[in-house]
Protein backbone atom coordinates (compact mmCIF):
# COMPACT_ATOMS: atom_id res chain seq x y z
CA MET A 1 86.59 54.76 45.79
CA ASP A 2 83.23 53.03 47.00
CA LYS A 3 80.50 55.68 48.51
CA GLU A 4 76.82 54.50 49.99
CA LEU A 5 74.90 57.02 50.92
CA ILE A 6 72.57 56.04 53.40
CA ILE A 7 69.37 57.16 54.44
CA ARG A 8 66.86 56.44 57.44
CA SER A 9 63.10 57.95 57.49
CA SER A 10 60.92 58.47 60.36
CA PRO A 11 57.46 61.16 60.72
CA GLU A 12 60.00 63.31 62.51
CA ALA A 13 62.89 63.78 61.09
CA VAL A 14 65.29 61.91 57.69
CA ASP A 15 68.86 61.74 58.58
CA PHE A 16 71.59 61.10 55.54
CA ALA A 17 75.05 59.63 56.13
CA LEU A 18 77.67 59.59 53.04
CA LEU A 19 80.18 57.50 53.48
CA LYS A 20 83.50 56.57 51.70
CA ASP A 21 85.28 53.28 52.26
CA GLY A 22 82.12 52.61 54.65
CA LYS A 23 84.42 55.76 56.30
CA LEU A 24 81.14 58.56 57.15
CA VAL A 25 82.55 61.81 55.95
CA GLU A 26 79.08 63.59 56.05
CA LEU A 27 76.19 63.90 58.52
CA HIS A 28 72.61 66.07 57.48
CA LYS A 29 69.82 65.39 59.34
CA ASP A 30 66.59 66.93 58.49
CA GLU A 31 63.40 67.26 60.99
CA ASP A 32 59.82 68.03 60.07
CA GLY A 33 58.86 71.60 59.44
CA ASN A 34 60.61 72.52 56.24
CA LYS A 35 59.31 75.00 54.40
CA PHE A 36 59.70 73.71 51.02
CA ALA A 37 58.06 71.00 49.44
CA VAL A 38 58.89 68.42 46.69
CA GLY A 39 58.04 69.57 42.75
CA ASP A 40 59.32 72.81 44.50
CA VAL A 41 62.16 75.05 41.61
CA PHE A 42 64.79 76.56 43.21
CA ILE A 43 67.92 78.10 41.69
CA ALA A 44 70.52 76.12 43.32
CA LYS A 45 74.36 75.68 42.62
CA ILE A 46 75.91 72.63 42.41
CA ARG A 47 77.94 71.71 45.78
CA LYS A 48 79.35 67.92 45.37
CA ALA A 49 78.48 66.09 42.48
CA VAL A 50 78.38 61.85 43.41
CA PRO A 51 79.12 60.21 39.69
CA GLY A 52 78.25 57.13 41.78
CA LEU A 53 74.91 57.85 42.52
CA ASN A 54 74.28 60.00 39.34
CA ALA A 55 73.69 62.92 42.55
CA ALA A 56 74.60 66.06 43.09
CA PHE A 57 74.28 68.42 47.07
CA VAL A 58 73.47 72.00 46.11
CA ASN A 59 72.98 74.90 48.02
CA VAL A 60 69.62 75.65 47.42
CA GLY A 61 70.24 78.35 50.23
CA TYR A 62 69.30 76.19 53.84
CA GLU A 63 71.34 75.83 55.68
CA LYS A 64 72.04 72.64 54.37
CA ASP A 65 71.99 71.17 50.93
CA ALA A 66 69.94 70.16 49.63
CA PHE A 67 69.81 65.72 47.53
CA LEU A 68 68.93 66.43 43.83
CA HIS A 69 69.36 63.03 42.21
CA TYR A 70 69.08 63.12 37.76
CA HIS A 71 66.21 61.98 37.89
CA ASP A 72 64.65 64.19 38.91
CA LEU A 73 65.91 66.75 36.20
CA GLY A 74 64.29 65.53 33.66
CA PRO A 75 64.11 63.12 30.59
CA GLN A 76 66.26 64.91 28.52
CA ILE A 77 69.38 64.52 30.90
CA SER A 78 71.04 60.77 30.83
CA SER A 79 73.15 61.07 33.63
CA LEU A 80 74.94 63.48 35.92
């Protein structure tokens, strides 16, 4: 199964699309004005691990799940 994550960013919003075998399976849009920032610390629950991307979508209490890449976990974690 081939997975692909497409991210489109503009000053107003960021769009995320997850494709499996070339077919759209998820689409999310984050509009400007969110009250969180890079570096914030959250307690989260993993919703979906995506090993091909070495990343996961995690529930941090917002309407949409957050995207977490394993590089953001620190040097002690080798891979998902």
